[in-house]
Amino acid sequence: MRFFRQLLGFFSSDLAIDLGTANTLVYLRGRGVVLSEPSVVAVKKNGKTGKVLAVGTQAKEMIGKCPEGVKAIRPMKDGVIADFEITQAMLRHFIRIAHFRRILKPRIIVAVPSGITQVEKKAVREAAEQAGASEVYLIEEPMAAAIGAGLPVTEPTANMIVDIGGGTTEVAIISLAGIVYSKSVRMGGDKMDEAITQYIRKKYNLLIGEPTAELIKHEIGTAYPSDQVDTLEVKGRDTVTGLPKAVAIDSEEVRKAITEQVEAILTTVRSALEQIPPELAADIVTKGIVLTGGGALLKRLDKLISEETHLPICIADEPLKTVAIGSGKALESLDILKEITIQ
């Protein structure tokens, strides 16, 4: 029997996919996360059709630098599919890499936002099926994140998770393998990047691209004031003269630029805490809140949420991989998979 399973694994192996707005991660059953790439596709337009030139990291490097007729596209928006055909091409590319040299089609579990509509669910299923899946399961991102963070989701105790991605922020309270309360808001790292871009354009008359805004957020972005103020030289195009220009900005400016987005996340967390039953609230006072997703890496965000909620805050060990790892763990156990997947 063991030999048969190993042989079957050679021909096919199940996959878990965290299909994110900013990044897509693929978990190969038995091996862990084998792929982590930006959710970007570079396409060359030829009349009504388009030819895929690059996918992932290579495509992201082309953003803002493409010649006429070539466009770098992010086919996911706010955690859901915005361009079906491009998403399908991207998925097919990633599945082919992760499922290299295996013959049978894989079963695939895809993590989706908890607020996803039936139409959006259908689009995800169809995209995965047409990209090469034999069967498609869907799992809500906060449940996958909680499993990936190692929380005891099947026990009768409250587990609160805040998953901050590129397009959405998912806040959920989980107990007995079910979601007691969840809220998904279409606010995440991408909106912060947009806010930084607008702030710099308004204050310095400097036009910067998406990659530069993301770099600023990663390098000196902060959610809470600090005694140490970091600075960064930013290069772009002067909107008045049209010439290249460089300015120095500091972390306090970035904090002010993203205040609205951070406050939206805080409001969602507060709303969740106000909705939970008293007994589960007692568990959260003891255990606190776990942060996952790329947004969890924003400097001093944990400090801000802790001060606002008066609760202990913990950042998952691998916040960028937590959803993919949790989805993969669900694949390892069919019993868990049947309990937590959604229709």
Protein backbone atom coordinates (compact mmCIF):
# COMPACT_ATOMS: atom_id res chain seq x y z
CA MET A 1 0.00 0.00 0.00
CA ARG A 2 2.84 2.39 0.87
CA PHE A 3 4.52 1.66 -2.45
CA PHE A 4 1.22 2.33 -4.25
CA ARG A 5 0.87 5.73 -2.51
CA GLN A 6 4.45 6.66 -3.41
CA LEU A 7 3.84 5.63 -7.02
CA LEU A 8 0.61 7.64 -7.15
CA GLY A 9 2.47 10.62 -5.70
CA PHE A 10 4.96 10.39 -8.56
CA PHE A 11 2.17 10.65 -11.11
CA SER A 12 0.16 13.31 -9.28
CA SER A 13 0.25 15.28 -6.06
CA ASP A 14 -2.37 17.55 -4.57
CA LEU A 15 -1.78 21.30 -4.43
CA ALA A 16 -2.93 24.10 -2.16
CA ILE A 17 -2.93 27.61 -3.66
CA ASP A 18 -3.03 30.95 -1.89
CA LEU A 19 -4.28 33.00 -4.84
CA GLY A 20 -3.49 36.45 -3.52
CA THR A 21 -3.84 39.92 -4.96
CA ALA A 22 -0.14 40.64 -4.51
CA ASN A 23 1.43 37.17 -4.43
CA THR A 24 0.48 33.58 -5.26
CA LEU A 25 1.89 30.72 -3.20
CA VAL A 26 1.65 27.02 -4.05
CA TYR A 27 1.92 24.22 -1.48
CA LEU A 28 2.77 20.74 -2.81
CA ARG A 29 1.43 17.95 -0.64
CA GLY A 30 4.28 16.24 1.17
CA ARG A 31 6.82 18.97 0.35
CA GLY A 32 5.43 22.27 1.65
CA VAL A 33 5.48 25.66 -0.09
CA VAL A 34 7.32 25.14 -3.38
CA LEU A 35 6.45 28.39 -5.16
CA SER A 36 5.97 32.02 -4.14
CA GLU A 37 5.59 34.51 -6.98
CA PRO A 38 4.00 37.92 -7.55
CA SER A 39 0.49 37.70 -9.06
CA VAL A 40 1.54 39.54 -12.20
CA VAL A 41 1.40 38.57 -15.89
CA ALA A 42 3.08 40.42 -18.77
CA VAL A 43 1.04 40.25 -21.97
CA LYS A 44 1.78 41.37 -25.52
CA LYS A 45 -1.40 42.50 -27.24
CA ASN A 46 -1.97 41.34 -30.80
CA GLY A 47 -5.35 42.58 -31.96
CA LYS A 48 -8.03 41.08 -29.71
CA THR A 49 -5.73 38.34 -28.41
CA GLY A 50 -2.74 38.51 -26.11
CA LYS A 51 0.43 36.47 -25.81
CA VAL A 52 1.83 35.80 -22.33
CA LEU A 53 5.45 36.96 -22.19
CA ALA A 54 6.25 36.53 -18.51
CA VAL A 55 4.61 35.47 -15.24
CA GLY A 56 5.50 36.18 -11.61
CA THR A 57 8.77 37.89 -10.63
CA GLN A 58 9.88 38.48 -14.20
CA ALA A 59 6.55 40.10 -15.05
CA LYS A 60 6.59 42.27 -11.91
CA GLU A 61 10.00 43.67 -12.89
CA MET A 62 8.35 44.92 -16.09
CA ILE A 63 5.69 47.05 -14.32
CA GLY A 64 6.06 50.66 -15.49
CA LYS A 65 8.82 49.72 -17.94
CA CYS A 66 6.89 48.02 -20.76
CA PRO A 67 7.18 49.16 -24.41
CA GLU A 68 4.10 49.94 -26.45
CA GLY A 69 1.89 46.90 -26.94
CA VAL A 70 3.13 45.13 -23.81
CA LYS A 71 1.34 45.40 -20.47
CA ALA A 72 2.09 44.00 -17.02
CA ILE A 73 -1.27 43.00 -15.55
CA ARG A 74 -2.31 42.09 -12.01
CA PRO A 75 -5.33 39.85 -12.73
CA MET A 76 -6.44 39.70 -9.07
CA LYS A 77 -8.10 42.71 -7.45
CA ASP A 78 -9.28 42.94 -3.84
CA GLY A 79 -8.67 39.22 -3.37
CA VAL A 80 -10.86 38.07 -6.29
CA ILE A 81 -10.45 37.50 -10.02
CA ALA A 82 -10.60 40.69 -12.08
CA ASP A 83 -9.35 39.20 -15.37
CA PHE A 84 -10.45 35.59 -15.85
CA GLU A 85 -8.32 34.66 -18.86
CA ILE A 86 -5.11 36.13 -17.44
CA THR A 87 -5.73 34.49 -14.04
CA GLN A 88 -6.23 31.16 -15.79
CA ALA A 89 -2.96 31.58 -17.70
CA MET A 90 -1.14 32.53 -14.49
CA LEU A 91 -2.56 29.53 -12.61
CA ARG A 92 -1.68 27.17 -15.44
CA HIS A 93 1.91 28.44 -15.38
CA PHE A 94 2.26 28.07 -11.60
CA ILE A 95 0.61 24.62 -11.54
CA ARG A 96 2.91 23.42 -14.31
CA ILE A 97 5.99 24.50 -12.32
CA ALA A 98 4.79 23.04 -9.00
CA HIS A 99 3.45 19.84 -10.58
CA PHE A 100 6.52 19.27 -12.77
CA ARG A 101 6.80 15.81 -14.39
CA ARG A 102 3.63 14.46 -12.80
CA ILE A 103 1.12 12.89 -15.16
CA LEU A 104 -2.28 12.88 -13.44
CA LYS A 105 -4.19 16.10 -12.82
CA PRO A 106 -3.91 17.32 -9.20
CA ARG A 107 -6.67 17.98 -6.71
CA ILE A 108 -6.41 21.63 -5.71
CA ILE A 109 -7.59 23.60 -2.70
CA VAL A 110 -7.72 27.37 -3.19
CA ALA A 111 -7.87 29.92 -0.36
CA VAL A 112 -10.46 32.67 -0.95
CA PRO A 113 -11.67 35.71 1.05
CA SER A 114 -14.47 35.00 3.54
CA GLY A 115 -16.66 37.68 1.92
CA ILE A 116 -16.48 36.16 -1.56
CA THR A 117 -19.73 35.98 -3.57
CA GLN A 118 -21.14 32.89 -5.31
CA VAL A 119 -20.21 34.38 -8.69
CA GLU A 120 -16.64 34.95 -7.53
CA LYS A 121 -16.46 31.39 -6.11
CA LYS A 122 -17.57 30.01 -9.47
CA ALA A 123 -14.91 32.06 -11.26
CA VAL A 124 -12.16 30.68 -8.98
CA ARG A 125 -13.35 27.08 -9.45
CA GLU A 126 -13.55 27.43 -13.23
CA ALA A 127 -10.14 29.10 -13.45
CA ALA A 128 -8.52 26.30 -11.41
CA GLU A 129 -10.31 23.55 -13.37
CA GLN A 130 -9.37 25.01 -16.74
CA ALA A 131 -5.79 25.49 -15.51
CA GLY A 132 -5.50 21.74 -14.92
CA ALA A 133 -7.19 20.69 -11.66
CA SER A 134 -9.09 17.40 -11.42
CA GLU A 135 -11.07 18.57 -8.38
CA VAL A 136 -11.27 22.00 -6.75
CA TYR A 137 -11.97 22.78 -3.10
CA LEU A 138 -12.29 26.26 -1.60
CA ILE A 139 -11.20 27.23 1.90
CA GLU A 140 -11.78 30.59 3.56
CA GLU A 141 -8.53 32.50 4.07
CA PRO A 142 -8.95 33.17 7.82
CA MET A 143 -9.52 29.44 8.47
CA ALA A 144 -6.46 28.55 6.40
CA ALA A 145 -4.44 31.24 8.18
CA ALA A 146 -5.48 29.94 11.61
CA ILE A 147 -4.47 26.38 10.68
CA GLY A 148 -1.19 27.61 9.21
CA ALA A 149 -0.44 29.59 12.38
CA GLY A 150 -0.85 26.42 14.43
CA LEU A 151 -4.00 27.49 16.28
CA PRO A 152 -6.22 24.73 17.78
CA VAL A 153 -9.14 25.40 15.44
CA THR A 154 -10.98 22.14 16.23
CA GLU A 155 -11.10 22.77 20.00
CA PRO A 156 -13.94 24.54 21.89
CA THR A 157 -11.91 27.69 22.42
CA ALA A 158 -11.78 31.03 20.60
CA ASN A 159 -8.98 31.70 18.12
CA MET A 160 -8.86 35.21 16.65
CA ILE A 161 -6.97 35.74 13.42
CA VAL A 162 -6.32 38.92 11.43
CA ASP A 163 -4.99 38.18 7.94
CA ILE A 164 -3.82 41.34 6.13
CA GLY A 165 -3.16 40.70 2.46
CA GLY A 166 -2.57 42.85 -0.58
CA GLY A 167 -6.24 43.26 -1.48
CA THR A 168 -8.22 42.28 1.61
CA THR A 169 -8.06 42.12 5.38
CA GLU A 170 -9.77 39.10 6.93
CA VAL A 171 -10.77 39.15 10.58
CA ALA A 172 -12.24 35.97 12.04
CA ILE A 173 -12.98 34.19 15.29
CA ILE A 174 -12.78 30.41 14.99
CA SER A 175 -13.95 27.65 17.35
CA LEU A 176 -14.80 23.94 16.90
CA ALA A 177 -13.59 23.89 13.26
CA GLY A 178 -16.05 26.64 12.34
CA ILE A 179 -16.01 30.39 11.86
CA VAL A 180 -18.04 32.02 14.64
CA TYR A 181 -17.62 35.49 13.18
CA SER A 182 -15.82 36.82 10.14
CA LYS A 183 -15.53 40.05 8.26
CA SER A 184 -13.66 40.71 5.05
CA VAL A 185 -12.84 44.28 4.02
CA ARG A 186 -11.27 45.15 0.71
CA MET A 187 -8.43 47.01 2.32
CA GLY A 188 -4.82 45.89 2.44
CA GLY A 189 -1.28 46.53 1.29
CA ASP A 190 -2.29 47.71 -2.19
CA LYS A 191 -4.42 50.55 -0.80
CA MET A 192 -1.47 51.58 1.40
CA ASP A 193 0.76 51.70 -1.70
CA GLU A 194 -1.80 53.89 -3.47
CA ALA A 195 -2.00 56.22 -0.44
CA ILE A 196 1.80 56.60 -0.39
CA THR A 197 1.84 57.35 -4.13
CA GLN A 198 -0.85 60.03 -3.74
CA TYR A 199 0.83 61.60 -0.70
CA ILE A 200 4.19 61.97 -2.47
CA ARG A 201 2.56 63.33 -5.61
CA LYS A 202 0.56 65.89 -3.63
CA LYS A 203 3.34 67.05 -1.30
CA TYR A 204 6.41 66.83 -3.53
CA ASN A 205 4.92 66.97 -7.06
CA LEU A 206 6.72 63.68 -7.60
CA LEU A 207 5.23 60.86 -9.64
CA ILE A 208 6.36 57.38 -8.54
CA GLY A 209 5.41 53.90 -9.71
CA GLU A 210 3.77 51.02 -7.87
CA PRO A 211 7.05 49.16 -7.16
CA THR A 212 8.58 52.30 -5.59
CA ALA A 213 5.55 52.84 -3.33
CA GLU A 214 5.77 49.22 -2.20
CA LEU A 215 9.49 49.62 -1.49
CA ILE A 216 8.82 52.72 0.64
CA LYS A 217 6.21 50.81 2.66
CA HIS A 218 8.56 47.88 3.26
CA GLU A 219 11.62 49.97 4.06
CA ILE A 220 10.31 52.78 6.27
CA GLY A 221 6.56 52.21 6.60
CA THR A 222 5.25 52.17 10.18
CA ALA A 223 1.83 52.11 11.83
CA TYR A 224 2.82 53.62 15.17
CA PRO A 225 5.06 56.59 16.07
CA SER A 226 8.63 55.80 17.06
CA ASP A 227 11.51 57.74 18.62
CA GLN A 228 13.63 56.66 15.66
CA VAL A 229 12.69 58.32 12.37
CA ASP A 230 14.02 56.57 9.25
CA THR A 231 14.52 58.30 5.91
CA LEU A 232 14.67 57.10 2.33
CA GLU A 233 15.61 58.77 -0.95
CA VAL A 234 12.79 58.42 -3.46
CA LYS A 235 13.24 58.91 -7.20
CA GLY A 236 10.56 59.67 -9.75
CA ARG A 237 9.37 62.26 -12.26
CA ASP A 238 8.55 65.86 -11.36
CA THR A 239 4.94 66.53 -12.37
CA VAL A 240 5.70 70.24 -12.94
CA THR A 241 8.93 70.15 -14.98
CA GLY A 242 8.57 66.60 -16.31
CA LEU A 243 12.20 65.92 -15.34
CA PRO A 244 13.57 63.14 -13.11
CA LYS A 245 13.85 64.17 -9.47
CA ALA A 246 14.81 62.71 -6.08
CA VAL A 247 13.43 63.66 -2.66
CA ALA A 248 14.02 62.38 0.87
CA ILE A 249 10.98 61.22 2.85
CA ASP A 250 10.80 59.91 6.39
CA SER A 251 8.89 57.18 8.22
CA GLU A 252 6.64 59.67 10.01
CA GLU A 253 5.40 60.97 6.65
CA VAL A 254 4.66 57.42 5.52
CA ARG A 255 2.78 56.73 8.76
CA LYS A 256 0.56 59.77 8.16
CA ALA A 257 0.04 58.77 4.52
CA ILE A 258 -1.38 55.33 5.43
CA THR A 259 -3.36 56.41 8.53
CA GLU A 260 -6.73 55.94 6.81
CA GLN A 261 -5.91 52.39 5.71
CA VAL A 262 -4.54 51.37 9.11
CA GLU A 263 -7.59 52.85 10.84
CA ALA A 264 -9.87 50.79 8.57
CA ILE A 265 -8.10 47.62 9.74
CA LEU A 266 -8.42 48.70 13.38
CA THR A 267 -12.14 49.40 12.92
CA THR A 268 -12.66 45.89 11.53
CA VAL A 269 -10.84 44.35 14.49
CA ARG A 270 -12.90 46.38 16.97
CA SER A 271 -16.11 45.37 15.20
CA ALA A 272 -15.22 41.69 15.53
CA LEU A 273 -14.47 42.04 19.23
CA GLU A 274 -17.86 43.68 19.77
CA GLN A 275 -19.72 40.78 18.11
CA ILE A 276 -18.31 37.75 19.95
CA PRO A 277 -20.10 35.78 22.71
CA PRO A 278 -18.86 36.47 26.29
CA GLU A 279 -17.29 33.02 26.81
CA LEU A 280 -15.25 33.30 23.63
CA ALA A 281 -14.30 36.86 24.56
CA ALA A 282 -12.77 35.47 27.76
CA ASP A 283 -10.57 33.13 25.68
CA ILE A 284 -9.34 36.01 23.52
CA VAL A 285 -8.41 38.08 26.57
CA THR A 286 -6.11 35.22 27.54
CA LYS A 287 -4.83 34.12 24.12
CA GLY A 288 -4.88 37.41 22.22
CA ILE A 289 -4.91 37.99 18.47
CA VAL A 290 -2.69 36.43 15.79
CA LEU A 291 -1.62 38.56 12.81
CA THR A 292 -0.80 36.96 9.45
CA GLY A 293 -0.34 38.07 5.85
CA GLY A 294 2.12 40.53 4.34
CA GLY A 295 0.46 43.42 6.16
CA ALA A 296 1.46 41.88 9.49
CA LEU A 297 5.04 42.85 8.61
CA LEU A 298 4.21 46.57 8.66
CA LYS A 299 6.44 47.94 11.41
CA ARG A 300 4.79 48.48 14.82
CA LEU A 301 1.32 47.47 13.62
CA ASP A 302 1.19 44.89 16.41
CA LYS A 303 2.03 47.63 18.93
CA LEU A 304 -0.80 49.82 17.62
CA ILE A 305 -3.43 47.05 17.68
CA SER A 306 -2.34 45.99 21.16
CA GLU A 307 -2.67 49.55 22.47
CA GLU A 308 -6.09 50.02 20.86
CA THR A 309 -7.57 46.68 22.01
CA HIS A 310 -5.62 46.09 25.25
CA LEU A 311 -5.00 42.51 24.09
CA PRO A 312 -1.79 40.54 23.50
CA ILE A 313 -0.79 40.47 19.82
CA CYS A 314 1.30 37.77 18.16
CA ILE A 315 2.69 37.75 14.60
CA ALA A 316 2.71 34.31 12.95
CA ASP A 317 6.15 32.75 12.36
CA GLU A 318 5.88 32.96 8.57
CA PRO A 319 3.10 35.50 7.95
CA LEU A 320 3.50 35.52 4.16
CA LYS A 321 3.17 31.73 3.95
CA THR A 322 0.58 31.11 6.67
CA VAL A 323 -2.50 30.80 4.40
CA ALA A 324 -0.69 28.48 1.96
CA ILE A 325 0.64 26.32 4.79
CA GLY A 326 -2.80 26.09 6.40
CA SER A 327 -4.45 25.17 3.10
CA GLY A 328 -1.76 22.53 2.59
CA LYS A 329 -2.29 21.06 6.06
CA ALA A 330 -5.99 20.74 5.27
CA LEU A 331 -5.02 18.69 2.20
CA GLU A 332 -3.00 16.33 4.42
CA SER A 333 -6.14 15.37 6.35
CA LEU A 334 -9.32 14.55 4.43
CA ASP A 335 -11.38 14.67 7.64
CA ILE A 336 -10.36 18.29 8.28
CA LEU A 337 -10.75 19.12 4.60
CA LYS A 338 -14.38 17.99 4.54
CA GLU A 339 -15.19 19.99 7.68
CA ILE A 340 -13.74 23.32 6.64
CA THR A 341 -14.09 23.61 2.86
CA ILE A 342 -16.91 25.79 1.52
CA GLN A 343 -19.38 25.20 -1.30
